[in-house]
Amino acid sequence: MSSLIAVLSGLLFGIGLLASGMTDPAKVKGFLDLFGLWDPSLALVMGGAISVGLIGFTLASRRTNSWSGEPIDLPKSTVVDWRLVLGGILFGVGWGIAGYCPGPGIVAASAGSLAAGVFVVAMLAGMTIHDRLIAKA
C-alpha cells in the first residue's frame, strides 16, 4: 500500500510541476532574472507549495505514523552550519545555471528532455560523491 501511495504522490507532484510550467528552465531563469524580463509566476507557485507544505507538516507533526503506516520521523535540528549554507549555495547556483531543481529535472527528463537528462545524471553523480566521500568524513 505504501508503494501505491508513493507512486500516486509522485504522479500528482509531477503533474503539478508540468501544469505550473516549472519543468521549463526558461521559466525558472525568467524568475531569477531580476533586472531583465522578470517572471514572478514561480514565486506564486512557491508560495502555494509552501502553504500546502506548512499545512502538511503541521498535521504530520501531530502524528507518529503516516497514512500508509510508516513511521514519521521529521528532522528536529535547527542548526545552520557551514555544510547547510554551502549546500544551499551549490543548490542555488546549480538551479540558476541549469534552470532545474531535482523534482522538475526528473519530470522533464522523464518527458524526454536531453538537457534535463544531463542534469539528472550530474545530480546523481553529485549525490554519489557526497555519500561516498563527504558524508563519511
N, C-alpha and C. Protein backbone atom coordinates (compact mmCIF):
# COMPACT_ATOMS: atom_id res chain seq x y z
N MET A 1 0.81 -1.20 0.00
CA MET A 1 0.00 0.00 0.00
C MET A 1 0.86 1.27 0.00
N SER A 2 1.97 1.24 0.77
CA SER A 2 2.82 2.43 0.83
C SER A 2 3.45 2.73 -0.52
N SER A 3 3.75 1.70 -1.31
CA SER A 3 4.31 1.93 -2.65
C SER A 3 3.29 2.59 -3.56
N LEU A 4 2.04 2.19 -3.45
CA LEU A 4 0.98 2.81 -4.25
C LEU A 4 0.81 4.28 -3.88
N ILE A 5 0.83 4.58 -2.59
CA ILE A 5 0.71 5.97 -2.14
C ILE A 5 1.90 6.78 -2.64
N ALA A 6 3.10 6.21 -2.61
CA ALA A 6 4.29 6.90 -3.10
C ALA A 6 4.19 7.19 -4.59
N VAL A 7 3.74 6.21 -5.37
CA VAL A 7 3.61 6.40 -6.82
C VAL A 7 2.55 7.46 -7.12
N LEU A 8 1.41 7.39 -6.45
CA LEU A 8 0.35 8.37 -6.69
C LEU A 8 0.78 9.77 -6.25
N SER A 9 1.51 9.87 -5.15
CA SER A 9 2.00 11.18 -4.70
C SER A 9 3.00 11.76 -5.70
N GLY A 10 3.92 10.92 -6.17
CA GLY A 10 4.89 11.36 -7.17
C GLY A 10 4.23 11.78 -8.47
N LEU A 11 3.22 11.02 -8.88
CA LEU A 11 2.48 11.36 -10.11
C LEU A 11 1.76 12.69 -9.96
N LEU A 12 1.12 12.90 -8.83
CA LEU A 12 0.44 14.17 -8.58
C LEU A 12 1.43 15.33 -8.56
N PHE A 13 2.58 15.12 -7.93
CA PHE A 13 3.62 16.15 -7.88
C PHE A 13 4.12 16.48 -9.29
N GLY A 14 4.40 15.44 -10.07
CA GLY A 14 4.87 15.65 -11.45
C GLY A 14 3.85 16.38 -12.31
N ILE A 15 2.59 16.02 -12.18
CA ILE A 15 1.54 16.70 -12.94
C ILE A 15 1.46 18.17 -12.53
N GLY A 16 1.59 18.42 -11.23
CA GLY A 16 1.59 19.80 -10.75
C GLY A 16 2.75 20.61 -11.32
N LEU A 17 3.92 19.99 -11.38
CA LEU A 17 5.09 20.68 -11.96
C LEU A 17 4.88 20.97 -13.44
N LEU A 18 4.33 20.00 -14.16
CA LEU A 18 4.06 20.21 -15.59
C LEU A 18 3.01 21.30 -15.79
N ALA A 19 1.92 21.23 -15.01
CA ALA A 19 0.83 22.20 -15.16
C ALA A 19 1.27 23.63 -14.85
N SER A 20 2.18 23.77 -13.88
CA SER A 20 2.63 25.11 -13.50
C SER A 20 3.77 25.63 -14.37
N GLY A 21 4.28 24.78 -15.27
CA GLY A 21 5.36 25.21 -16.16
C GLY A 21 6.74 25.15 -15.52
N MET A 22 6.86 24.55 -14.36
CA MET A 22 8.13 24.55 -13.64
C MET A 22 9.15 23.58 -14.22
N THR A 23 8.77 22.78 -15.21
CA THR A 23 9.74 21.92 -15.87
C THR A 23 10.41 22.62 -17.04
N ASP A 24 10.05 23.87 -17.27
CA ASP A 24 10.64 24.68 -18.34
C ASP A 24 11.74 25.55 -17.74
N PRO A 25 13.02 25.26 -18.06
CA PRO A 25 14.10 26.04 -17.46
C PRO A 25 14.04 27.53 -17.80
N ALA A 26 13.43 27.88 -18.92
CA ALA A 26 13.30 29.30 -19.28
C ALA A 26 12.41 30.03 -18.26
N LYS A 27 11.42 29.35 -17.74
CA LYS A 27 10.53 29.93 -16.73
C LYS A 27 11.31 30.19 -15.44
N VAL A 28 12.13 29.24 -15.05
CA VAL A 28 12.94 29.39 -13.84
C VAL A 28 13.95 30.51 -14.04
N LYS A 29 14.62 30.52 -15.15
CA LYS A 29 15.62 31.57 -15.41
C LYS A 29 14.95 32.94 -15.50
N GLY A 30 13.72 32.99 -16.01
CA GLY A 30 12.97 34.25 -16.05
C GLY A 30 12.68 34.77 -14.65
N PHE A 31 12.42 33.86 -13.72
CA PHE A 31 12.18 34.24 -12.34
C PHE A 31 13.47 34.77 -11.70
N LEU A 32 14.59 34.17 -12.04
CA LEU A 32 15.87 34.57 -11.45
C LEU A 32 16.46 35.82 -12.10
N ASP A 33 15.92 36.26 -13.23
CA ASP A 33 16.40 37.44 -13.95
C ASP A 33 15.73 38.70 -13.39
N LEU A 34 16.21 39.16 -12.25
CA LEU A 34 15.58 40.29 -11.56
C LEU A 34 15.72 41.61 -12.32
N PHE A 35 16.74 41.73 -13.15
CA PHE A 35 16.99 43.00 -13.83
C PHE A 35 16.64 42.96 -15.31
N GLY A 36 16.01 41.87 -15.75
CA GLY A 36 15.59 41.74 -17.14
C GLY A 36 14.08 41.60 -17.20
N LEU A 37 13.62 40.63 -17.96
CA LEU A 37 12.19 40.36 -18.07
C LEU A 37 11.77 39.40 -16.96
N TRP A 38 11.64 39.94 -15.76
CA TRP A 38 11.35 39.12 -14.59
C TRP A 38 9.97 38.48 -14.70
N ASP A 39 9.91 37.18 -14.42
CA ASP A 39 8.66 36.42 -14.45
C ASP A 39 8.33 36.00 -13.01
N PRO A 40 7.33 36.64 -12.38
CA PRO A 40 7.04 36.35 -10.97
C PRO A 40 6.22 35.08 -10.74
N SER A 41 5.85 34.37 -11.80
CA SER A 41 4.95 33.22 -11.63
C SER A 41 5.53 32.13 -10.74
N LEU A 42 6.84 31.95 -10.75
CA LEU A 42 7.45 30.94 -9.89
C LEU A 42 7.25 31.29 -8.41
N ALA A 43 7.26 32.57 -8.08
CA ALA A 43 7.02 32.99 -6.70
C ALA A 43 5.62 32.57 -6.26
N LEU A 44 4.65 32.67 -7.15
CA LEU A 44 3.29 32.26 -6.82
C LEU A 44 3.22 30.74 -6.61
N VAL A 45 3.91 30.00 -7.47
CA VAL A 45 3.93 28.54 -7.33
C VAL A 45 4.61 28.16 -6.02
N MET A 46 5.74 28.80 -5.72
CA MET A 46 6.44 28.51 -4.46
C MET A 46 5.58 28.88 -3.26
N GLY A 47 4.90 30.00 -3.32
CA GLY A 47 4.01 30.40 -2.22
C GLY A 47 2.91 29.38 -1.99
N GLY A 48 2.33 28.88 -3.08
CA GLY A 48 1.31 27.85 -2.95
C GLY A 48 1.88 26.57 -2.37
N ALA A 49 3.07 26.19 -2.82
CA ALA A 49 3.71 24.96 -2.32
C ALA A 49 4.06 25.10 -0.83
N ILE A 50 4.55 26.27 -0.44
CA ILE A 50 4.89 26.49 0.97
C ILE A 50 3.62 26.42 1.82
N SER A 51 2.53 26.99 1.35
CA SER A 51 1.27 26.94 2.09
C SER A 51 0.79 25.51 2.29
N VAL A 52 0.80 24.73 1.21
CA VAL A 52 0.38 23.33 1.31
C VAL A 52 1.34 22.55 2.20
N GLY A 53 2.64 22.79 2.04
CA GLY A 53 3.63 22.11 2.87
C GLY A 53 3.49 22.45 4.34
N LEU A 54 3.20 23.72 4.64
CA LEU A 54 3.03 24.13 6.04
C LEU A 54 1.87 23.39 6.68
N ILE A 55 0.78 23.27 5.95
CA ILE A 55 -0.38 22.52 6.47
C ILE A 55 0.00 21.05 6.65
N GLY A 56 0.64 20.46 5.64
CA GLY A 56 1.03 19.05 5.70
C GLY A 56 1.98 18.75 6.84
N PHE A 57 3.02 19.58 7.01
CA PHE A 57 3.98 19.34 8.08
C PHE A 57 3.36 19.59 9.45
N THR A 58 2.45 20.55 9.55
CA THR A 58 1.77 20.79 10.82
C THR A 58 0.95 19.56 11.21
N LEU A 59 0.20 19.03 10.25
CA LEU A 59 -0.59 17.82 10.52
C LEU A 59 0.31 16.62 10.81
N ALA A 60 1.39 16.48 10.06
CA ALA A 60 2.29 15.33 10.24
C ALA A 60 3.00 15.40 11.59
N SER A 61 3.29 16.60 12.08
CA SER A 61 3.99 16.72 13.35
C SER A 61 3.15 16.24 14.53
N ARG A 62 1.85 16.09 14.32
CA ARG A 62 0.95 15.63 15.38
C ARG A 62 0.74 14.11 15.34
N ARG A 63 1.36 13.46 14.36
CA ARG A 63 1.15 12.02 14.19
C ARG A 63 2.47 11.28 14.40
N THR A 64 2.37 9.99 14.67
CA THR A 64 3.57 9.17 14.77
C THR A 64 3.75 8.29 13.53
N ASN A 65 2.65 8.03 12.82
CA ASN A 65 2.70 7.21 11.60
C ASN A 65 1.99 7.91 10.47
N SER A 66 2.45 7.65 9.24
CA SER A 66 1.81 8.20 8.05
C SER A 66 0.53 7.41 7.75
N TRP A 67 -0.21 7.85 6.74
CA TRP A 67 -1.44 7.15 6.35
C TRP A 67 -1.16 5.71 5.94
N SER A 68 0.04 5.49 5.42
CA SER A 68 0.38 4.13 4.97
C SER A 68 0.93 3.27 6.11
N GLY A 69 1.04 3.84 7.31
CA GLY A 69 1.52 3.08 8.45
C GLY A 69 3.01 3.23 8.71
N GLU A 70 3.73 3.92 7.82
CA GLU A 70 5.17 4.13 8.01
C GLU A 70 5.41 5.13 9.13
N PRO A 71 6.45 4.95 9.92
CA PRO A 71 6.73 5.93 10.98
C PRO A 71 7.12 7.29 10.40
N ILE A 72 6.68 8.34 11.04
CA ILE A 72 7.04 9.71 10.66
C ILE A 72 8.21 10.14 11.53
N ASP A 73 9.30 10.52 10.91
CA ASP A 73 10.49 10.94 11.64
C ASP A 73 10.95 12.27 11.05
N LEU A 74 10.34 13.36 11.49
CA LEU A 74 10.69 14.68 10.99
C LEU A 74 11.98 15.17 11.63
N PRO A 75 12.82 15.89 10.87
CA PRO A 75 14.07 16.42 11.45
C PRO A 75 13.77 17.37 12.61
N LYS A 76 14.62 17.32 13.61
CA LYS A 76 14.43 18.18 14.78
C LYS A 76 15.51 19.25 14.89
N SER A 77 16.57 19.13 14.11
CA SER A 77 17.69 20.06 14.20
C SER A 77 17.30 21.42 13.61
N THR A 78 17.73 22.48 14.28
CA THR A 78 17.55 23.83 13.77
C THR A 78 18.90 24.52 13.56
N VAL A 79 19.96 23.73 13.56
CA VAL A 79 21.32 24.26 13.43
C VAL A 79 21.59 24.65 11.98
N VAL A 80 22.10 25.85 11.79
CA VAL A 80 22.54 26.31 10.48
C VAL A 80 24.07 26.30 10.52
N ASP A 81 24.67 25.30 9.87
CA ASP A 81 26.13 25.19 9.88
C ASP A 81 26.67 25.43 8.48
N TRP A 82 27.99 25.35 8.34
CA TRP A 82 28.64 25.65 7.06
C TRP A 82 28.21 24.65 5.98
N ARG A 83 27.93 23.40 6.36
CA ARG A 83 27.52 22.41 5.36
C ARG A 83 26.15 22.75 4.78
N LEU A 84 25.24 23.22 5.63
CA LEU A 84 23.91 23.63 5.16
C LEU A 84 24.02 24.85 4.25
N VAL A 85 24.80 25.83 4.66
CA VAL A 85 24.96 27.06 3.88
C VAL A 85 25.63 26.74 2.53
N LEU A 86 26.70 25.96 2.56
CA LEU A 86 27.39 25.59 1.32
C LEU A 86 26.46 24.79 0.40
N GLY A 87 25.71 23.86 0.98
CA GLY A 87 24.76 23.09 0.19
C GLY A 87 23.70 23.97 -0.46
N GLY A 88 23.21 24.95 0.30
CA GLY A 88 22.22 25.89 -0.25
C GLY A 88 22.79 26.73 -1.38
N ILE A 89 24.03 27.16 -1.22
CA ILE A 89 24.69 27.94 -2.28
C ILE A 89 24.88 27.09 -3.53
N LEU A 90 25.37 25.87 -3.36
CA LEU A 90 25.56 24.98 -4.51
C LEU A 90 24.24 24.68 -5.20
N PHE A 91 23.20 24.43 -4.41
CA PHE A 91 21.87 24.18 -4.98
C PHE A 91 21.41 25.38 -5.80
N GLY A 92 21.52 26.58 -5.22
CA GLY A 92 21.07 27.79 -5.90
C GLY A 92 21.85 28.07 -7.18
N VAL A 93 23.16 27.90 -7.14
CA VAL A 93 23.99 28.13 -8.33
C VAL A 93 23.62 27.11 -9.42
N GLY A 94 23.50 25.85 -9.03
CA GLY A 94 23.10 24.83 -10.00
C GLY A 94 21.73 25.08 -10.58
N TRP A 95 20.81 25.52 -9.75
CA TRP A 95 19.45 25.83 -10.19
C TRP A 95 19.48 26.98 -11.19
N GLY A 96 20.29 28.01 -10.89
CA GLY A 96 20.38 29.16 -11.78
C GLY A 96 21.04 28.83 -13.11
N ILE A 97 22.04 27.96 -13.08
CA ILE A 97 22.74 27.60 -14.32
C ILE A 97 21.89 26.68 -15.18
N ALA A 98 21.34 25.64 -14.56
CA ALA A 98 20.61 24.62 -15.33
C ALA A 98 19.14 24.99 -15.54
N GLY A 99 18.56 25.74 -14.61
CA GLY A 99 17.14 26.04 -14.69
C GLY A 99 16.28 24.91 -14.15
N TYR A 100 16.91 23.94 -13.50
CA TYR A 100 16.18 22.81 -12.93
C TYR A 100 16.56 22.65 -11.47
N CYS A 101 15.60 22.22 -10.67
CA CYS A 101 15.91 21.66 -9.36
C CYS A 101 15.49 20.19 -9.45
N PRO A 102 15.76 19.38 -8.45
CA PRO A 102 15.59 17.93 -8.62
C PRO A 102 14.22 17.47 -9.14
N GLY A 103 13.14 17.92 -8.54
CA GLY A 103 11.81 17.45 -8.96
C GLY A 103 11.51 17.76 -10.42
N PRO A 104 11.55 19.03 -10.82
CA PRO A 104 11.29 19.36 -12.22
C PRO A 104 12.31 18.73 -13.18
N GLY A 105 13.55 18.57 -12.74
CA GLY A 105 14.56 17.93 -13.60
C GLY A 105 14.19 16.49 -13.91
N ILE A 106 13.76 15.75 -12.88
CA ILE A 106 13.38 14.35 -13.09
C ILE A 106 12.13 14.27 -13.97
N VAL A 107 11.16 15.15 -13.73
CA VAL A 107 9.93 15.14 -14.56
C VAL A 107 10.27 15.45 -16.01
N ALA A 108 11.09 16.49 -16.23
CA ALA A 108 11.45 16.87 -17.60
C ALA A 108 12.28 15.78 -18.28
N ALA A 109 13.17 15.13 -17.54
CA ALA A 109 13.96 14.02 -18.11
C ALA A 109 13.04 12.87 -18.48
N SER A 110 12.05 12.60 -17.64
CA SER A 110 11.08 11.54 -17.93
C SER A 110 10.26 11.85 -19.17
N ALA A 111 10.08 13.14 -19.44
CA ALA A 111 9.34 13.56 -20.62
C ALA A 111 10.22 13.59 -21.88
N GLY A 112 11.51 13.26 -21.72
CA GLY A 112 12.39 13.16 -22.88
C GLY A 112 13.34 14.31 -23.12
N SER A 113 13.44 15.25 -22.18
CA SER A 113 14.35 16.38 -22.35
C SER A 113 15.79 15.92 -22.14
N LEU A 114 16.63 16.08 -23.18
CA LEU A 114 18.03 15.69 -23.09
C LEU A 114 18.77 16.54 -22.06
N ALA A 115 18.52 17.86 -22.05
CA ALA A 115 19.18 18.74 -21.09
C ALA A 115 18.84 18.33 -19.66
N ALA A 116 17.58 18.00 -19.44
CA ALA A 116 17.17 17.56 -18.10
C ALA A 116 17.81 16.22 -17.76
N GLY A 117 17.95 15.36 -18.74
CA GLY A 117 18.62 14.07 -18.52
C GLY A 117 20.05 14.26 -18.09
N VAL A 118 20.76 15.19 -18.72
CA VAL A 118 22.15 15.50 -18.34
C VAL A 118 22.17 16.05 -16.92
N PHE A 119 21.21 16.93 -16.61
CA PHE A 119 21.11 17.48 -15.26
C PHE A 119 20.92 16.36 -14.22
N VAL A 120 20.00 15.43 -14.50
CA VAL A 120 19.71 14.35 -13.55
C VAL A 120 20.94 13.46 -13.36
N VAL A 121 21.65 13.16 -14.43
CA VAL A 121 22.86 12.34 -14.31
C VAL A 121 23.90 13.07 -13.45
N ALA A 122 24.08 14.38 -13.69
CA ALA A 122 25.03 15.16 -12.89
C ALA A 122 24.59 15.21 -11.43
N MET A 123 23.29 15.35 -11.21
CA MET A 123 22.77 15.38 -9.84
C MET A 123 23.04 14.06 -9.13
N LEU A 124 22.78 12.95 -9.80
CA LEU A 124 23.03 11.64 -9.21
C LEU A 124 24.52 11.43 -8.94
N ALA A 125 25.37 11.92 -9.84
CA ALA A 125 26.81 11.82 -9.62
C ALA A 125 27.22 12.62 -8.39
N GLY A 126 26.68 13.82 -8.24
CA GLY A 126 26.97 14.63 -7.06
C GLY A 126 26.50 13.98 -5.78
N MET A 127 25.32 13.36 -5.83
CA MET A 127 24.80 12.66 -4.65
C MET A 127 25.68 11.47 -4.29
N THR A 128 26.16 10.77 -5.30
CA THR A 128 27.04 9.62 -5.06
C THR A 128 28.36 10.06 -4.46
N ILE A 129 28.94 11.13 -5.02
CA ILE A 129 30.19 11.67 -4.48
C ILE A 129 30.00 12.08 -3.03
N HIS A 130 28.91 12.75 -2.74
CA HIS A 130 28.63 13.15 -1.37
C HIS A 130 28.54 11.94 -0.44
N ASP A 131 27.77 10.94 -0.84
CA ASP A 131 27.57 9.77 0.01
C ASP A 131 28.85 8.97 0.21
N ARG A 132 29.68 8.89 -0.81
CA ARG A 132 30.89 8.07 -0.73
C ARG A 132 32.07 8.79 -0.09
N LEU A 133 32.17 10.12 -0.30
CA LEU A 133 33.34 10.83 0.17
C LEU A 133 33.05 11.78 1.32
N ILE A 134 32.06 12.62 1.16
CA ILE A 134 31.85 13.71 2.10
C ILE A 134 31.08 13.27 3.34
N ALA A 135 30.04 12.51 3.17
CA ALA A 135 29.20 12.10 4.30
C ALA A 135 29.96 11.25 5.30
N LYS A 136 30.99 10.56 4.84
CA LYS A 136 31.77 9.69 5.73
C LYS A 136 32.91 10.43 6.41
N ALA A 137 33.16 11.67 5.97
CA ALA A 137 34.28 12.44 6.54
C ALA A 137 33.95 12.97 7.91
